[in-house]
Structures are given as C-alpha cells and as structure tokens.
Protein backbone atom coordinates (compact mmCIF):
# COMPACT_ATOMS: atom_id res chain seq x y z
CA MET A 1 -15.61 19.34 -2.41
CA GLU A 2 -19.37 19.41 -3.11
CA ILE A 3 -21.69 17.73 -0.66
CA VAL A 4 -24.66 16.03 -2.40
CA PRO A 5 -27.38 14.21 -0.48
CA VAL A 6 -28.78 11.29 -2.46
CA ASP A 7 -31.84 9.19 -1.57
CA ASP A 8 -32.50 7.23 -4.75
CA PRO A 9 -30.38 4.10 -5.29
CA ALA A 10 -31.12 4.37 -9.02
CA ASP A 11 -29.57 7.85 -9.23
CA ASP A 12 -27.20 7.68 -12.21
CA ARG A 13 -24.58 9.75 -10.32
CA LEU A 14 -23.97 6.55 -8.20
CA ARG A 15 -23.28 4.40 -11.25
CA ASP A 16 -19.60 3.88 -10.33
CA TYR A 17 -20.73 2.07 -7.21
CA THR A 18 -23.39 -0.25 -8.56
CA SER A 19 -23.11 -4.02 -8.00
CA LEU A 20 -19.74 -3.98 -6.30
CA THR A 21 -20.18 -7.67 -5.25
CA ASP A 22 -20.57 -8.85 -8.89
CA VAL A 23 -16.90 -9.81 -9.54
CA ALA A 24 -17.40 -10.84 -13.16
CA LEU A 25 -19.12 -7.55 -13.91
CA ARG A 26 -16.73 -5.30 -12.04
CA ARG A 27 -13.52 -6.80 -13.38
CA VAL A 28 -14.76 -5.91 -16.83
CA ARG A 29 -16.36 -2.55 -16.07
CA GLU A 30 -13.70 -0.99 -13.95
CA PRO A 31 -10.74 -1.25 -16.45
CA ALA A 32 -13.02 -0.44 -19.40
CA GLU A 33 -14.42 2.70 -17.70
CA GLY A 34 -11.03 3.75 -16.25
CA LEU A 35 -11.93 3.58 -12.57
CA TYR A 36 -11.33 1.61 -9.34
CA ILE A 37 -12.96 1.65 -5.90
CA ALA A 38 -11.17 2.47 -2.67
CA GLU A 39 -12.82 1.31 0.57
CA SER A 40 -12.21 2.96 3.97
CA ALA A 41 -10.74 6.29 5.02
CA LYS A 42 -7.18 4.80 5.24
CA VAL A 43 -7.23 3.42 1.71
CA ILE A 44 -8.73 6.60 0.32
CA GLU A 45 -5.94 8.58 2.05
CA ARG A 46 -3.34 6.30 0.51
CA ALA A 47 -4.88 6.74 -2.92
CA LEU A 48 -4.79 10.50 -2.59
CA ASP A 49 -1.16 10.31 -1.32
CA ALA A 50 -0.22 8.33 -4.37
CA GLY A 51 -1.54 11.23 -6.53
CA HIS A 52 -4.59 9.36 -7.87
CA ARG A 53 -7.58 11.55 -8.82
CA PRO A 54 -10.89 10.97 -7.12
CA ARG A 55 -14.11 10.83 -9.23
CA SER A 56 -16.54 10.86 -6.24
CA VAL A 57 -17.08 9.66 -2.69
CA LEU A 58 -20.04 7.75 -1.28
CA LEU A 59 -20.64 7.64 2.51
CA GLN A 60 -23.00 8.06 5.34
CA GLU A 61 -23.19 11.54 6.78
CA LYS A 62 -21.67 10.38 10.12
CA TRP A 63 -18.37 9.59 8.39
CA LEU A 64 -18.04 12.97 6.71
CA PRO A 65 -16.06 14.71 9.51
CA GLY A 66 -13.30 12.13 9.34
CA LEU A 67 -12.79 12.69 5.60
CA SER A 68 -13.36 16.46 5.36
CA ASP A 69 -9.74 17.43 5.80
CA LEU A 70 -8.57 14.77 3.28
CA LEU A 71 -11.03 15.96 0.63
CA ALA A 72 -11.02 19.70 1.26
CA THR A 73 -8.58 20.53 -1.51
CA HIS A 74 -10.19 18.20 -4.11
CA ASP A 75 -12.95 19.27 -6.49
CA VAL A 76 -15.01 16.13 -6.03
CA PRO A 77 -18.62 15.38 -5.30
CA VAL A 78 -19.27 13.68 -2.00
CA TYR A 79 -22.57 11.73 -2.09
CA LEU A 80 -24.25 11.32 1.28
CA ALA A 81 -26.75 8.49 1.56
CA SER A 82 -28.41 6.28 4.20
CA PRO A 83 -26.99 2.82 4.95
CA GLU A 84 -30.07 1.31 3.24
CA VAL A 85 -29.46 3.27 0.01
CA ILE A 86 -25.75 2.46 0.04
CA GLU A 87 -26.50 -1.24 0.45
CA GLN A 88 -29.02 -1.24 -2.36
CA VAL A 89 -26.50 0.45 -4.71
CA THR A 90 -23.46 -1.56 -3.85
CA GLY A 91 -24.92 -4.90 -2.91
CA PHE A 92 -23.44 -5.13 0.59
CA ALA A 93 -23.50 -3.35 3.93
CA VAL A 94 -20.58 -0.91 3.97
CA HIS A 95 -19.01 -0.92 7.40
CA ARG A 96 -15.67 0.73 6.66
CA GLY A 97 -16.89 4.31 6.63
CA ALA A 98 -16.65 5.35 2.97
CA LEU A 99 -16.17 4.34 -0.63
CA ALA A 100 -14.42 6.44 -3.24
CA ALA A 101 -14.24 6.03 -7.03
CA PHE A 102 -10.90 6.99 -8.48
CA HIS A 103 -9.61 7.44 -11.96
CA ARG A 104 -7.55 4.37 -12.72
CA PRO A 105 -3.93 5.33 -13.45
CA ALA A 106 -2.29 4.23 -16.71
CA GLU A 107 -0.28 1.07 -16.39
CA ARG A 108 3.51 1.77 -16.41
CA PRO A 109 6.05 0.42 -18.88
CA VAL A 110 7.87 -2.64 -17.59
CA ALA A 111 11.23 -0.95 -17.82
CA GLU A 112 10.02 1.90 -15.63
CA VAL A 113 8.69 -0.50 -12.97
CA LEU A 114 11.99 -2.44 -12.90
CA ALA A 115 14.28 0.62 -12.89
CA GLY A 116 16.32 0.56 -9.66
CA ALA A 117 14.55 -2.49 -8.27
CA ARG A 118 16.41 -5.32 -6.50
CA ARG A 119 13.58 -7.55 -5.47
CA VAL A 120 10.58 -8.07 -7.77
CA VAL A 121 7.63 -10.45 -7.42
CA VAL A 122 6.06 -11.94 -10.60
CA LEU A 123 2.62 -13.41 -10.35
CA GLU A 124 1.61 -15.98 -12.96
CA ASP A 125 -2.17 -16.26 -13.22
CA VAL A 126 -2.93 -15.74 -9.60
CA VAL A 127 -6.70 -15.24 -9.81
CA ASN A 128 -7.84 -14.85 -6.21
CA HIS A 129 -8.10 -11.14 -5.35
CA THR A 130 -7.52 -11.73 -1.70
CA ASN A 131 -4.24 -13.50 -2.44
CA VAL A 132 -3.17 -10.72 -4.79
CA GLY A 133 -3.84 -8.09 -2.16
CA ALA A 134 -2.04 -10.07 0.56
CA ILE A 135 1.01 -10.45 -1.74
CA PHE A 136 1.19 -6.77 -2.35
CA ARG A 137 1.00 -6.17 1.39
CA ALA A 138 3.90 -8.57 1.92
CA VAL A 139 5.86 -6.83 -0.83
CA ALA A 140 5.42 -3.51 0.83
CA GLY A 141 6.00 -4.67 4.38
CA LEU A 142 9.02 -6.87 3.64
CA GLY A 143 10.91 -4.39 1.48
CA ALA A 144 10.47 -5.65 -2.08
CA ASP A 145 10.39 -3.03 -4.85
CA ALA A 146 7.80 -4.00 -7.56
CA VAL A 147 5.36 -6.51 -8.85
CA LEU A 148 4.75 -7.78 -12.40
CA ILE A 149 1.55 -9.67 -13.22
CA THR A 150 0.77 -11.91 -16.20
CA PRO A 151 -2.05 -11.25 -18.60
CA ARG A 152 -4.54 -13.66 -16.84
CA CYS A 153 -3.72 -12.52 -13.27
CA ALA A 154 -6.45 -10.92 -11.16
CA ASP A 155 -6.71 -7.12 -11.18
CA PRO A 156 -4.69 -5.56 -8.21
CA LEU A 157 -7.03 -2.61 -8.31
CA TYR A 158 -10.18 -4.63 -7.72
CA ARG A 159 -11.78 -3.49 -4.49
CA ARG A 160 -10.97 -6.58 -2.50
CA SER A 161 -7.34 -6.58 -3.56
CA VAL A 162 -6.95 -2.93 -2.63
CA ARG A 163 -8.66 -3.48 0.74
CA VAL A 164 -6.73 -6.62 1.72
CA SER A 165 -3.45 -4.92 0.75
CA MET A 166 -4.32 -1.92 3.01
CA GLY A 167 -3.61 0.31 0.01
CA ALA A 168 -0.23 -1.22 -0.78
CA VAL A 169 -1.34 -1.76 -4.36
CA LEU A 170 -1.51 2.04 -4.60
CA GLN A 171 2.06 2.44 -3.35
CA ILE A 172 4.07 -0.36 -4.86
CA PRO A 173 5.14 0.03 -8.57
CA TRP A 174 3.44 -2.65 -10.66
CA THR A 175 2.38 -3.39 -14.17
CA ARG A 176 0.93 -6.14 -16.30
CA LEU A 177 3.22 -8.00 -18.68
CA ALA A 178 1.89 -8.03 -22.26
CA GLU A 179 3.01 -11.57 -22.84
CA TRP A 180 3.96 -14.51 -20.69
CA PRO A 181 6.27 -16.41 -20.36
CA GLU A 182 7.85 -14.43 -23.21
CA GLY A 183 8.00 -11.53 -20.80
CA ALA A 184 10.68 -13.25 -18.79
CA ALA A 185 13.15 -12.02 -21.35
CA GLN A 186 12.56 -8.43 -20.09
CA LEU A 187 13.59 -9.49 -16.54
CA HIS A 188 16.71 -11.16 -17.88
CA ASP A 189 17.57 -8.13 -20.00
CA ALA A 190 17.21 -5.98 -16.82
CA GLY A 191 19.69 -8.12 -14.96
CA PHE A 192 17.28 -10.22 -12.87
CA GLU A 193 17.79 -13.82 -11.91
CA ILE A 194 14.38 -15.52 -11.98
CA ALA A 195 13.83 -17.71 -9.01
CA ALA A 196 10.66 -19.88 -9.34
CA LEU A 197 9.04 -20.93 -6.10
CA ALA A 198 7.84 -24.52 -6.79
CA LEU A 199 8.04 -28.09 -5.84
CA ALA A 200 10.38 -29.77 -8.36
CA ASP A 201 13.12 -32.26 -8.58
CA GLY A 202 16.47 -30.53 -8.15
CA ALA A 203 14.98 -27.46 -6.39
CA ILE A 204 17.19 -25.64 -3.95
CA ALA A 205 15.99 -25.01 -0.42
CA LEU A 206 15.08 -21.39 0.21
CA ASP A 207 17.44 -20.97 3.13
CA ASP A 208 20.31 -22.30 1.04
CA TYR A 209 19.50 -19.98 -1.84
CA ALA A 210 19.31 -17.02 0.50
CA LEU A 211 22.88 -17.62 1.72
CA ASP A 212 24.27 -16.52 -1.62
CA ALA A 213 21.38 -14.62 -3.22
CA PRO A 214 22.08 -12.60 -6.33
CA GLU A 215 21.83 -8.77 -6.33
CA ARG A 216 18.59 -8.69 -8.37
CA ILE A 217 15.94 -11.44 -7.91
CA ALA A 218 12.55 -11.86 -9.61
CA LEU A 219 10.54 -14.25 -7.41
CA LEU A 220 8.12 -16.10 -9.59
CA LEU A 221 4.88 -17.37 -8.00
CA GLY A 222 2.12 -19.48 -9.64
CA THR A 223 -1.55 -19.90 -9.52
CA GLU A 224 -3.30 -21.24 -6.43
CA GLY A 225 -4.26 -24.63 -7.77
CA ASP A 226 -1.66 -25.88 -10.20
CA GLY A 227 1.31 -23.72 -9.37
CA LEU A 228 3.62 -22.55 -12.05
CA SER A 229 3.24 -23.67 -15.64
CA ALA A 230 5.87 -25.79 -17.26
CA ARG A 231 6.88 -22.95 -19.53
CA ALA A 232 7.33 -20.59 -16.62
CA LEU A 233 9.56 -23.08 -14.89
CA ASP A 234 11.61 -23.39 -18.13
CA SER A 235 12.07 -19.61 -18.15
CA ALA A 236 13.41 -19.59 -14.54
CA ASP A 237 17.09 -19.62 -13.68
CA ARG A 238 16.57 -21.44 -10.42
CA VAL A 239 13.80 -23.39 -8.80
CA VAL A 240 13.49 -22.75 -5.06
CA THR A 241 11.35 -24.50 -2.46
CA ILE A 242 10.39 -23.70 1.15
CA PRO A 243 11.34 -26.66 3.39
CA MET A 244 8.19 -28.02 5.05
CA SER A 245 7.39 -30.35 8.00
CA HIS A 246 4.66 -32.78 9.16
CA GLY A 247 3.79 -33.91 5.66
CA VAL A 248 2.67 -30.51 4.46
CA ASP A 249 3.97 -29.91 0.92
CA SER A 250 3.25 -26.27 0.38
CA LEU A 251 1.82 -22.99 1.68
CA ASN A 252 -0.89 -20.68 0.37
CA VAL A 253 0.66 -18.54 -2.36
CA ALA A 254 0.43 -15.33 -0.27
CA ALA A 255 2.00 -16.96 2.72
CA ALA A 256 4.75 -18.46 0.56
CA ALA A 257 5.46 -15.09 -0.95
CA ALA A 258 5.85 -13.54 2.56
CA VAL A 259 8.25 -16.31 3.72
CA ALA A 260 10.34 -16.05 0.60
CA LEU A 261 10.45 -12.24 0.67
CA TRP A 262 11.60 -12.29 4.26
CA SER A 263 14.35 -14.74 3.50
CA LEU A 264 15.48 -12.93 0.38
CA ARG A 265 15.17 -9.35 1.70
CA ALA A 266 17.93 -7.15 0.31
CA GLY A 267 20.47 -5.82 2.82
C-alpha cells in the first residue's frame, strides 16, 4: 500500500468520497462509476474477504495501525487526512475509523444466485437503505441463502445499507431482477414456492405455514408504505401473514423479514 498525506479537500484523488450524504447523487454516481463505499475496519475486512478490489482508503492517521495488516498485500493508495478535511470531503464526521472505495462487482446471473439455495428473500421496491441493510443482516444471521431485488429497489451497496448490514451485503449472494413481476417465473422455474408476506383475505398464518414448509421458499416482501403490489401478489403461490396482537396490523419490513426467516429456517 502507498501512504499519501492529503490536506486539500478539493484534491481530485479524493473524488470517490465526495458528498457521501447526498443520496440522490451517490445512488447515480456509484453504479455508473463502478464503485461502492465501505465504512469501518470490520466492513472493509469483509469486503476484502469477499475478494472485492479496493480502489483507495481514506482515514485519519491514528486509524492506520489497525488497518495496516489488512491492506499490506494490496496495491492501494491510503489517503491520510485530518478530521476536518475528511468531513469537508464526505459531508459528515467520520467516527468509524476509515472509509474505503471498492470496485463494484458485476451483478450475478439470477440462475447463479439461486443455484443450491433453499431460502431466498425477494424485495419488491424496498427503497429505504437502512431496511435493505437490516434485511441482509437477517438473511445472513438466520441462515437464508440469497436475495433478489426488483428494478426499483434501493442499492444494497449504498454506504448505509452496507454499514447497517455489518457487511452482510458483501457475503450473501444477491442480484437485481431485470423485470418484475415477470421475474417470478425464474423462481418458479428453479423450483421455488413464492410465499408473499402480506395482509390479505385468505392468508395463512406464518406458524401454520412453517409446519409444512416446502423445500425451496422465496419469501416476497414489499415496499415500506404500500406493501406488495397486486401483480406481485398474483405471482405468489401462497400469501402468509404474521399473527399480531394489541391492534397492531404489521411490522417494519426488516423486522417482518427476520421473524419470517426465523420461522421458516431450513433444517
């Protein structure tokens, strides 16, 4: 690695890190420029373990010893800057030790992501990056195998999603469906039963569904406000609901994903 002190926030070498709090800008820039941002030593380590290639690292000098061993074998510039310069570049005070820009891996074919999987989560238009990250963390922690996202779903490699997932988005196989709900046919062709998590007449209670769960399940979850679209519900084989109490009708989508994944975990 190459250690490079930087004292000018306008230095073009720091371009990957500019305006990280501008969600609208970053969600366009990062896929277009083939990069994503990892925040904290733990997430950087998981990105390296996943075989992702770093472009650069930005940190205060005091955090360098904790990352030296991780980066020693990588030909990557490590930019050292003061907290003030880093905040001017990124738009926020970085408290998690380090930021790293990584080359964004190519999205995988759907068939490759589904190969060998038994439990898959499908996210229809979930636009909140925190929820996406939390769902990936639940997928990793509760033993599911893969995630598919629809065309309008938030980017799992956006910095907040990566951070909230604790790097799980870098470990769990995932890809974006080219079309939806037409993409449901790919799940059926791969032998999955699609179980839509929704409030609907005739829905089966989650605990009842879990008693005789099929071998391969694609758990379908909808957007935070309106839930699943009518066309998505039409594509599902079963509609499943989480029994609730005290007049509460539903959970946050990330919490619902965790409950359902726990109930439907493969033996």
